[in-house]
Amino acid sequence: MQYVELHAASAFSFLDAASSPERLAEEAARLGYPALALIDADGVYGAPRFYKAATERGIRPLVGAALTLASGARLPLLVETPEGYRRLCRLLTRVKARAPKGQARASLDDLEGETAGLVCLTGGSDGPLAADLAAGRRDAAQRTLARLVALFGHGQVYVELQRHLTRESELRTRRLADVATTLRLPCLATNGVRMTTPAERPVLDVLTAVRLKTPLDAVGRRLAPNVERWLKPPVEMARLFADQPAAVAETAELAARCTFTLKDLGYRFPDFPVPGGGPQIAYLRALTEAGARERYRPVTEQVRRQLARELDLIQKLDLAGYFLIVWDIVRECRVRGILVQGRGSAANSAVCYSLGITAVDPVGMELLFERFLSEERGEWPDIDLDLPSGDRRERVIHRPGGANRFHPPPQTVQRVANAPSGRLRGSPHHPTLATTAASVRQSSRTQANRRR
């Protein structure tokens, strides 16, 4: 029976766990874990380092965060899908933005409508059910659990069982199992890991004393009662929960469900708002066709074939918005009388030439398009623009909004900028850009009216 640890915290749970993400990944690999979930308090700060260390060792790195609630309890959330990661990051940001540093507290109301792609665990001794169960308030704990089910969905909530060989943890485990049976929810075995090995216990004790602002020799029973919260071998965890085999089996099944890792992240340019609506690729094709009629006189069959081939690949790679943003940046430069010139491997693209991004005819010069964009490389196309450095370049980055122009946020323009030389990656340069854009908008409106 395969066990997967789905609740481990790193030192990025500030003063509450002892191990670095790298140390956790290293030990998990040594123990033969196929995956490991990092759930730190109120953030995903350790996730990039954990992802790098885990992937280097052949472990699938799962990610999540434990939200601190108004009661002081922590609600562990595990990311299942990319949508879940987006929602978790938005939730963490919103909660932290409204409170002074270190005082952010979430409420269950904050989770309304923000739980898609997330799996809710109930936590251990610091979970939202623990206090009520310890005080014998089963009904209150059951109401909280029912609220979590209403927020996340029945298949997205797991009652977390942790055994740390204390009377309190065993009592909590029995009561949690009873509540789970009542609400027909699955149980999930975890160890609530706070250190990689028992040898790190002294470090955890020191961190606890610092967090409590108390001398180490005066902390007393507020320290961890034993060294059980370490990353134990899967066999030992299965043995510990021998009476709960389903809770052990659920760990592997849930780990398999959580398909998201940081590998799924990647920069995505904002969508370009097409005038009158419609697909971005259709607008790009229309602009390219209009531009080609201006630059190629006549538009030969060879040019048409090349443009079709490039546009088909741009559509396949979902890059239409990127080319439109570049086109819009250059258009803005020309409207403002700012010199701009595209160069580099973009000169190998007939689409860039037709849009006015570059000044060299790649068809006439027999240039190789694949040097600029290739499906096999899996990279963003590199469109370089030369701009004068200084205030004029800054005005492009921080340009004010206009009624009919798309204005990507400054960070998007900065992303395609090379500050020292004044180069921008992505743009157009065409003597009739404004006319072309207006004619395409008019054409789009006419076609839309006809469809009506």
Protein backbone atom coordinates (compact mmCIF):
# COMPACT_ATOMS: atom_id res chain seq x y z
CA MET A 1 0.00 0.00 0.00
CA GLN A 2 1.59 3.28 -1.18
CA TYR A 3 1.55 6.24 1.20
CA VAL A 4 2.21 9.81 0.03
CA GLU A 5 2.82 12.65 2.49
CA LEU A 6 0.38 15.42 1.58
CA HIS A 7 0.98 17.84 4.45
CA ALA A 8 4.57 18.94 4.96
CA ALA A 9 5.67 22.43 5.97
CA SER A 10 9.07 23.99 5.38
CA ALA A 11 10.98 26.78 7.08
CA PHE A 12 8.93 29.13 4.88
CA SER A 13 6.19 28.55 7.48
CA PHE A 14 7.99 31.22 9.44
CA LEU A 15 9.14 29.98 12.87
CA ASP A 16 6.78 27.01 12.65
CA ALA A 17 8.84 24.38 10.79
CA ALA A 18 12.51 23.54 10.71
CA SER A 19 13.50 22.17 7.29
CA SER A 20 14.34 23.84 4.01
CA PRO A 21 12.33 22.83 0.92
CA GLU A 22 15.48 21.28 -0.53
CA ARG A 23 16.04 19.14 2.55
CA LEU A 24 12.46 17.86 2.43
CA ALA A 25 12.79 16.96 -1.25
CA GLU A 26 16.12 15.23 -0.67
CA GLU A 27 14.78 13.09 2.17
CA ALA A 28 11.56 12.28 0.31
CA ALA A 29 13.63 10.99 -2.61
CA ARG A 30 15.76 8.89 -0.27
CA LEU A 31 12.62 7.37 1.26
CA GLY A 32 11.15 6.53 -2.13
CA TYR A 33 8.21 8.93 -2.17
CA PRO A 34 6.76 9.43 -5.67
CA ALA A 35 5.33 12.82 -4.68
CA LEU A 36 5.30 15.22 -1.74
CA ALA A 37 3.02 18.15 -0.94
CA LEU A 38 4.42 21.37 0.52
CA ILE A 39 1.76 23.27 2.46
CA ASP A 40 3.28 26.32 4.14
CA ALA A 41 1.46 28.88 6.26
CA ASP A 42 -0.22 31.72 4.36
CA GLY A 43 1.94 31.59 1.26
CA VAL A 44 3.60 29.66 -1.52
CA TYR A 45 7.00 31.28 -0.98
CA GLY A 46 8.85 27.98 -0.73
CA ALA A 47 7.20 26.44 -3.80
CA PRO A 48 9.79 27.50 -6.43
CA ARG A 49 12.73 26.10 -4.46
CA PHE A 50 10.76 22.98 -3.61
CA TYR A 51 9.79 22.48 -7.25
CA LYS A 52 13.39 22.76 -8.43
CA ALA A 53 14.76 20.41 -5.77
CA ALA A 54 11.98 17.84 -6.15
CA THR A 55 12.05 17.66 -9.95
CA GLU A 56 15.82 17.24 -9.90
CA ARG A 57 15.28 14.16 -7.73
CA GLY A 58 12.39 12.67 -9.69
CA ILE A 59 9.66 13.60 -7.22
CA ARG A 60 6.39 15.23 -8.23
CA PRO A 61 6.16 18.45 -6.18
CA LEU A 62 2.60 19.26 -5.09
CA VAL A 63 1.84 22.68 -3.69
CA GLY A 64 -0.67 24.31 -1.37
CA ALA A 65 -0.96 26.69 1.57
CA ALA A 66 -2.50 26.73 5.03
CA LEU A 67 -4.77 29.73 5.56
CA THR A 68 -4.71 31.26 9.02
CA LEU A 69 -8.30 31.89 10.08
CA ALA A 70 -9.65 34.53 12.45
CA SER A 71 -9.73 31.93 15.24
CA GLY A 72 -6.03 31.24 14.81
CA ALA A 73 -6.72 27.83 13.27
CA ARG A 74 -5.07 26.93 9.99
CA LEU A 75 -6.97 25.50 7.04
CA PRO A 76 -4.73 23.49 4.68
CA LEU A 77 -5.56 23.82 0.98
CA LEU A 78 -3.99 21.63 -1.68
CA VAL A 79 -3.81 22.75 -5.31
CA GLU A 80 -5.35 20.32 -7.77
CA THR A 81 -5.41 22.30 -11.04
CA PRO A 82 -3.93 25.49 -12.55
CA GLU A 83 -7.23 27.22 -11.84
CA GLY A 84 -6.84 26.25 -8.19
CA TYR A 85 -3.37 27.78 -8.06
CA ARG A 86 -4.66 31.04 -9.52
CA ARG A 87 -7.48 31.17 -7.01
CA LEU A 88 -5.21 30.33 -4.09
CA CYS A 89 -2.77 33.08 -5.02
CA ARG A 90 -5.59 35.61 -5.41
CA LEU A 91 -7.04 34.58 -2.07
CA LEU A 92 -3.71 34.89 -0.26
CA THR A 93 -3.08 38.28 -1.86
CA ARG A 94 -6.50 39.65 -1.00
CA VAL A 95 -6.32 38.54 2.62
CA LYS A 96 -2.81 39.92 3.13
CA ALA A 97 -3.55 43.22 1.39
CA ARG A 98 -6.19 44.22 3.91
CA ALA A 99 -4.14 43.70 7.09
CA PRO A 100 -0.80 44.84 8.52
CA LYS A 101 2.13 42.53 7.93
CA GLY A 102 1.89 39.35 9.97
CA GLN A 103 -1.74 39.97 10.98
CA ALA A 104 -3.61 38.64 7.96
CA ARG A 105 -6.55 36.44 8.85
CA ALA A 106 -9.01 34.80 6.48
CA SER A 107 -12.62 33.88 7.09
CA LEU A 108 -14.67 31.14 5.54
CA ASP A 109 -16.65 33.88 3.79
CA ASP A 110 -13.47 34.76 1.87
CA LEU A 111 -13.63 31.32 0.27
CA GLU A 112 -17.04 31.86 -1.32
CA GLY A 113 -16.66 31.37 -5.07
CA GLU A 114 -12.88 30.90 -4.82
CA THR A 115 -12.52 27.16 -4.25
CA ALA A 116 -12.48 25.69 -7.77
CA GLY A 117 -9.41 23.53 -8.31
CA LEU A 118 -8.60 23.37 -4.60
CA VAL A 119 -8.79 20.46 -2.15
CA CYS A 120 -9.53 21.19 1.50
CA LEU A 121 -7.90 19.24 4.32
CA THR A 122 -9.05 19.67 7.90
CA GLY A 123 -5.60 19.95 9.47
CA GLY A 124 -4.26 18.53 12.69
CA SER A 125 -3.98 20.03 16.16
CA ASP A 126 -4.14 23.53 14.68
CA GLY A 127 -6.98 22.77 12.25
CA PRO A 128 -10.42 24.43 12.37
CA LEU A 129 -12.06 21.35 13.93
CA ALA A 130 -9.48 20.58 16.60
CA ALA A 131 -10.55 22.99 19.35
CA ASP A 132 -14.23 22.01 19.20
CA LEU A 133 -13.43 18.30 19.18
CA ALA A 134 -11.01 18.63 22.10
CA ALA A 135 -13.74 20.39 24.11
CA GLY A 136 -16.33 17.78 23.20
CA ARG A 137 -18.28 20.15 20.97
CA ARG A 138 -18.94 17.59 18.23
CA ASP A 139 -21.95 19.43 16.83
CA ALA A 140 -19.93 22.63 16.38
CA ALA A 141 -17.14 20.74 14.64
CA GLN A 142 -19.67 19.00 12.43
CA ARG A 143 -21.23 22.35 11.45
CA THR A 144 -17.81 23.74 10.51
CA LEU A 145 -17.08 20.66 8.44
CA ALA A 146 -20.46 20.90 6.72
CA ARG A 147 -19.69 24.52 5.86
CA LEU A 148 -16.39 23.43 4.28
CA VAL A 149 -18.24 20.83 2.22
CA ALA A 150 -20.68 23.51 1.04
CA LEU A 151 -17.77 25.74 0.01
CA PHE A 152 -15.54 23.16 -1.69
CA GLY A 153 -17.89 20.37 -2.71
CA HIS A 154 -18.30 16.88 -1.31
CA GLY A 155 -15.47 15.35 -3.31
CA GLN A 156 -13.03 18.13 -2.41
CA VAL A 157 -12.92 17.85 1.39
CA TYR A 158 -10.82 15.28 3.26
CA VAL A 159 -10.88 14.71 7.02
CA GLU A 160 -7.23 14.70 8.00
CA LEU A 161 -6.01 12.13 10.52
CA GLN A 162 -2.67 12.64 12.30
CA ARG A 163 -1.17 10.36 14.95
CA HIS A 164 1.66 11.80 17.01
CA LEU A 165 1.55 9.19 19.79
CA THR A 166 -0.11 11.42 22.36
CA ARG A 167 -3.40 10.95 24.15
CA GLU A 168 -4.74 14.15 22.60
CA SER A 169 -3.92 13.20 19.03
CA GLU A 170 -5.45 9.73 19.40
CA LEU A 171 -8.65 11.18 20.87
CA ARG A 172 -8.82 13.74 18.04
CA THR A 173 -8.26 11.02 15.43
CA ARG A 174 -11.14 8.90 16.76
CA ARG A 175 -13.51 11.85 16.91
CA LEU A 176 -12.53 13.04 13.43
CA ALA A 177 -13.12 9.58 12.02
CA ASP A 178 -16.59 9.53 13.62
CA VAL A 179 -17.50 12.93 12.16
CA ALA A 180 -16.22 11.85 8.75
CA THR A 181 -18.43 8.77 8.88
CA THR A 182 -21.44 10.87 9.81
CA LEU A 183 -20.94 13.22 6.85
CA ARG A 184 -19.73 10.43 4.55
CA LEU A 185 -16.40 12.08 3.89
CA PRO A 186 -13.09 10.32 3.17
CA CYS A 187 -10.31 10.32 5.74
CA LEU A 188 -6.73 11.13 4.78
CA ALA A 189 -3.67 10.09 6.77
CA THR A 190 -0.90 12.68 7.09
CA ASN A 191 1.87 13.39 9.56
CA GLY A 192 1.68 17.20 9.57
CA VAL A 193 5.43 17.25 8.92
CA ARG A 194 7.44 20.04 10.59
CA MET A 195 10.96 18.60 10.26
CA THR A 196 12.80 16.24 7.97
CA THR A 197 14.29 13.99 10.67
CA PRO A 198 14.11 13.80 14.48
CA ALA A 199 17.62 15.32 14.56
CA GLU A 200 16.06 18.70 13.67
CA ARG A 201 13.97 18.81 16.83
CA PRO A 202 16.36 21.26 18.60
CA VAL A 203 16.03 23.67 15.67
CA LEU A 204 12.23 23.47 15.84
CA ASP A 205 12.34 24.13 19.59
CA VAL A 206 14.46 27.25 19.11
CA LEU A 207 12.13 28.53 16.38
CA THR A 208 9.14 27.92 18.63
CA ALA A 209 10.76 29.91 21.44
CA VAL A 210 11.47 32.79 19.08
CA ARG A 211 7.89 32.73 17.80
CA LEU A 212 6.56 32.80 21.35
CA LYS A 213 9.10 35.45 22.36
CA THR A 214 10.03 33.32 25.35
CA PRO A 215 13.44 32.02 26.54
CA LEU A 216 13.92 28.42 25.50
CA ASP A 217 14.19 27.20 29.07
CA ALA A 218 10.84 28.84 29.90
CA VAL A 219 8.73 27.59 26.98
CA GLY A 220 7.86 24.35 28.73
CA ARG A 221 4.86 22.47 27.40
CA ARG A 222 4.33 24.88 24.56
CA LEU A 223 7.10 23.03 22.72
CA ALA A 224 6.18 20.02 20.58
CA PRO A 225 5.45 17.12 22.95
CA ASN A 226 7.68 14.70 21.03
CA VAL A 227 9.58 14.25 17.74
CA GLU A 228 6.83 12.49 15.80
CA ARG A 229 6.21 15.20 13.20
CA TRP A 230 9.04 14.23 10.88
CA LEU A 231 9.02 12.87 7.34
CA LYS A 232 8.55 9.20 8.10
CA PRO A 233 9.06 6.35 5.63
CA PRO A 234 5.87 5.34 3.77
CA VAL A 235 5.99 1.86 5.33
CA GLU A 236 6.05 3.31 8.83
CA MET A 237 3.11 5.59 8.08
CA ALA A 238 1.12 2.63 6.70
CA ARG A 239 1.91 0.69 9.85
CA LEU A 240 0.88 3.65 12.04
CA PHE A 241 -2.53 3.73 10.34
CA ALA A 242 -2.98 -0.02 10.01
CA ASP A 243 -6.52 0.36 11.37
CA GLN A 244 -7.30 3.03 8.73
CA PRO A 245 -6.11 1.46 5.45
CA ALA A 246 -8.53 3.58 3.40
CA ALA A 247 -7.00 6.77 4.84
CA VAL A 248 -3.57 5.59 3.67
CA ALA A 249 -4.82 4.55 0.23
CA GLU A 250 -6.50 7.94 -0.24
CA THR A 251 -3.10 9.67 -0.07
CA ALA A 252 -1.89 8.06 -3.29
CA GLU A 253 -5.24 8.58 -5.03
CA LEU A 254 -5.39 12.25 -4.08
CA ALA A 255 -1.76 12.79 -5.09
CA ALA A 256 -2.59 11.35 -8.52
CA ARG A 257 -5.55 13.72 -8.80
CA CYS A 258 -3.43 16.79 -8.07
CA THR A 259 -1.98 17.25 -11.54
CA PHE A 260 -0.75 20.81 -11.05
CA THR A 261 2.93 21.63 -10.52
CA LEU A 262 4.83 24.85 -11.11
CA LYS A 263 5.78 23.43 -14.50
CA ASP A 264 2.28 24.45 -15.58
CA LEU A 265 3.07 28.09 -14.93
CA GLY A 266 4.44 30.32 -17.63
CA TYR A 267 4.07 33.92 -18.60
CA ARG A 268 0.90 34.59 -20.55
CA PHE A 269 0.45 37.90 -22.29
CA PRO A 270 -2.90 39.62 -21.74
CA ASP A 271 -5.59 38.93 -24.29
CA PHE A 272 -5.83 41.64 -26.93
CA PRO A 273 -9.33 43.18 -26.98
CA VAL A 274 -10.43 42.79 -30.60
CA PRO A 275 -12.60 45.69 -31.79
CA GLY A 276 -16.16 44.47 -32.03
CA GLY A 277 -15.20 41.19 -30.40
CA GLY A 278 -14.15 38.03 -32.18
CA PRO A 279 -11.09 35.79 -32.15
CA GLN A 280 -7.66 37.36 -31.89
CA ILE A 281 -6.34 35.20 -34.72
CA ALA A 282 -9.08 36.45 -37.07
CA TYR A 283 -8.12 40.04 -36.32
CA LEU A 284 -4.43 39.25 -36.83
CA ARG A 285 -5.17 37.57 -40.16
CA ALA A 286 -7.17 40.61 -41.28
CA LEU A 287 -4.43 43.04 -40.27
CA THR A 288 -1.80 40.88 -41.95
CA GLU A 289 -3.79 40.67 -45.18
CA ALA A 290 -4.33 44.44 -45.25
CA GLY A 291 -0.66 45.06 -44.51
CA ALA A 292 0.48 42.59 -47.16
CA ARG A 293 -1.50 44.45 -49.81
CA GLU A 294 0.43 47.59 -48.89
CA ARG A 295 3.91 46.05 -48.75
CA TYR A 296 3.72 43.41 -51.48
CA ARG A 297 2.62 44.80 -54.79
CA PRO A 298 1.38 42.43 -56.03
CA VAL A 299 0.72 39.77 -53.39
CA THR A 300 2.07 36.72 -55.17
CA GLU A 301 1.02 33.12 -54.61
CA GLN A 302 4.36 32.49 -52.90
CA VAL A 303 3.66 35.32 -50.44
CA ARG A 304 0.15 34.01 -49.75
CA ARG A 305 1.46 30.53 -49.02
CA GLN A 306 4.13 31.90 -46.68
CA LEU A 307 1.67 34.09 -44.80
CA ALA A 308 -0.80 31.21 -44.46
CA ARG A 309 1.92 28.91 -43.14
CA GLU A 310 3.10 31.45 -40.57
CA LEU A 311 -0.40 32.37 -39.41
CA ASP A 312 -1.37 28.72 -39.04
CA LEU A 313 1.62 28.16 -36.76
CA ILE A 314 0.90 31.34 -34.80
CA GLN A 315 -2.66 30.07 -34.26
CA LYS A 316 -1.46 26.62 -33.25
CA LEU A 317 0.94 28.07 -30.68
CA ASP A 318 -1.72 30.54 -29.41
CA LEU A 319 0.49 33.55 -30.09
CA ALA A 320 -1.97 35.81 -31.91
CA GLY A 321 -2.36 38.07 -28.86
CA TYR A 322 1.41 38.46 -28.61
CA PHE A 323 1.71 39.69 -32.20
CA LEU A 324 -1.25 42.04 -31.71
CA ILE A 325 0.29 43.55 -28.58
CA VAL A 326 3.54 44.10 -30.48
CA TRP A 327 1.60 45.69 -33.32
CA ASP A 328 -0.19 47.99 -30.87
CA ILE A 329 3.03 49.09 -29.14
CA VAL A 330 4.59 50.10 -32.46
CA ARG A 331 1.42 51.83 -33.56
CA GLU A 332 1.54 53.89 -30.37
CA CYS A 333 5.16 54.81 -31.06
CA ARG A 334 4.27 56.06 -34.53
CA VAL A 335 1.27 58.05 -33.25
CA ARG A 336 3.59 59.75 -30.76
CA GLY A 337 6.30 60.35 -33.33
CA ILE A 338 8.74 58.07 -31.54
CA LEU A 339 11.24 56.31 -33.77
CA VAL A 340 10.89 52.55 -33.65
CA GLN A 341 12.47 49.81 -35.71
CA GLY A 342 12.05 46.05 -35.52
CA ARG A 343 15.05 43.85 -36.11
CA GLY A 344 16.62 40.51 -35.25
CA SER A 345 15.15 37.15 -36.21
CA ALA A 346 11.69 38.75 -36.60
CA ALA A 347 12.97 39.93 -39.99
CA ASN A 348 12.50 36.31 -41.12
CA SER A 349 8.73 36.58 -40.73
CA ALA A 350 6.43 37.68 -43.55
CA VAL A 351 3.72 38.38 -40.95
CA CYS A 352 6.01 40.80 -39.11
CA TYR A 353 6.91 42.44 -42.40
CA SER A 354 3.26 42.78 -43.41
CA LEU A 355 2.36 44.30 -40.04
CA GLY A 356 5.20 46.78 -40.39
CA ILE A 357 7.21 45.32 -37.54
CA THR A 358 10.27 44.82 -39.73
CA ALA A 359 11.57 46.47 -42.88
CA VAL A 360 13.03 43.48 -44.73
CA ASP A 361 11.00 41.34 -47.15
CA PRO A 362 11.77 37.77 -46.00
CA VAL A 363 10.12 36.21 -49.05
CA GLY A 364 12.14 38.23 -51.53
CA MET A 365 15.31 37.66 -49.51
CA GLU A 366 14.56 33.94 -49.11
CA LEU A 367 14.99 34.06 -45.32
CA LEU A 368 14.24 31.03 -43.13
CA PHE A 369 11.10 31.57 -41.05
CA GLU A 370 12.00 28.74 -38.63
CA ARG A 371 14.92 30.80 -37.36
CA PHE A 372 12.30 33.14 -35.91
CA LEU A 373 9.51 30.76 -34.83
CA SER A 374 9.50 26.99 -34.63
CA GLU A 375 7.07 24.60 -33.01
CA GLU A 376 9.92 22.33 -31.95
CA ARG A 377 11.74 25.00 -29.93
CA GLY A 378 8.79 25.74 -27.66
CA GLU A 379 9.93 29.35 -27.04
CA TRP A 380 8.42 32.79 -27.39
CA PRO A 381 9.32 34.39 -30.71
CA ASP A 382 11.99 37.03 -30.19
CA ILE A 383 10.74 40.32 -31.67
CA ASP A 384 13.24 43.10 -30.99
CA LEU A 385 12.43 46.80 -31.30
CA ASP A 386 14.88 49.64 -31.09
CA LEU A 387 13.56 52.74 -29.31
CA PRO A 388 15.30 55.89 -28.15
CA SER A 389 16.19 55.53 -24.48
CA GLY A 390 15.03 57.99 -21.85
CA ASP A 391 11.72 59.78 -21.32
CA ARG A 392 10.25 58.93 -24.72
CA ARG A 393 10.68 55.22 -24.11
CA GLU A 394 9.13 55.60 -20.64
CA ARG A 395 6.12 57.32 -22.19
CA VAL A 396 5.50 54.20 -24.27
CA ILE A 397 5.66 52.01 -21.18
CA HIS A 398 3.44 54.25 -19.06
CA ARG A 399 1.19 55.60 -21.78
CA PRO A 400 -2.27 56.83 -20.71
CA GLY A 401 -5.39 55.01 -21.87
CA GLY A 402 -7.24 55.85 -25.04
CA ALA A 403 -10.76 55.20 -26.19
CA ASN A 404 -9.95 52.78 -28.98
CA ARG A 405 -6.44 51.56 -28.16
CA PHE A 406 -5.25 48.58 -26.18
CA HIS A 407 -2.86 49.50 -23.38
CA PRO A 408 -1.14 46.56 -21.72
CA PRO A 409 -0.11 47.18 -18.12
CA PRO A 410 3.40 48.64 -17.66
CA GLN A 411 4.73 45.33 -16.36
CA THR A 412 3.74 43.69 -19.67
CA VAL A 413 5.62 46.27 -21.71
CA GLN A 414 8.52 46.09 -19.27
CA ARG A 415 8.62 42.33 -19.83
CA VAL A 416 9.42 42.90 -23.50
CA ALA A 417 11.83 45.73 -22.68
CA ASN A 418 15.59 45.73 -22.48
CA ALA A 419 16.22 48.84 -20.40
CA PRO A 420 19.94 49.51 -21.01
CA SER A 421 19.71 49.71 -24.80
CA GLY A 422 16.12 50.86 -25.13
CA ARG A 423 15.10 47.68 -26.98
CA LEU A 424 11.56 46.38 -26.82
CA ARG A 425 10.67 42.83 -27.67
CA GLY A 426 7.54 43.03 -29.79
CA SER A 427 6.13 45.85 -32.06
CA PRO A 428 4.83 47.19 -35.51
CA HIS A 429 6.05 49.93 -37.89
CA HIS A 430 3.88 50.71 -40.85
CA PRO A 431 3.07 53.97 -42.65
CA THR A 432 -0.63 53.13 -42.85
CA LEU A 433 -1.18 51.33 -39.54
CA ALA A 434 -3.91 53.67 -38.35
CA THR A 435 -5.74 53.43 -41.67
CA THR A 436 -5.35 49.65 -41.76
CA ALA A 437 -6.65 49.25 -38.20
CA ALA A 438 -9.62 51.48 -38.93
CA SER A 439 -10.47 49.58 -42.11
CA VAL A 440 -10.23 46.23 -40.32
CA ARG A 441 -12.50 47.51 -37.54
CA GLN A 442 -15.00 48.71 -40.15
CA SER A 443 -14.79 45.36 -41.96
CA SER A 444 -15.39 43.50 -38.68
CA ARG A 445 -18.47 45.63 -37.96
CA THR A 446 -19.81 45.12 -41.47
CA GLN A 447 -19.39 41.35 -41.25
CA ALA A 448 -21.02 41.29 -37.83
CA ASN A 449 -24.01 43.26 -39.16
CA ARG A 450 -24.35 40.86 -42.06
CA ARG A 451 -24.38 37.88 -39.70
CA ARG A 452 -27.19 39.51 -37.77
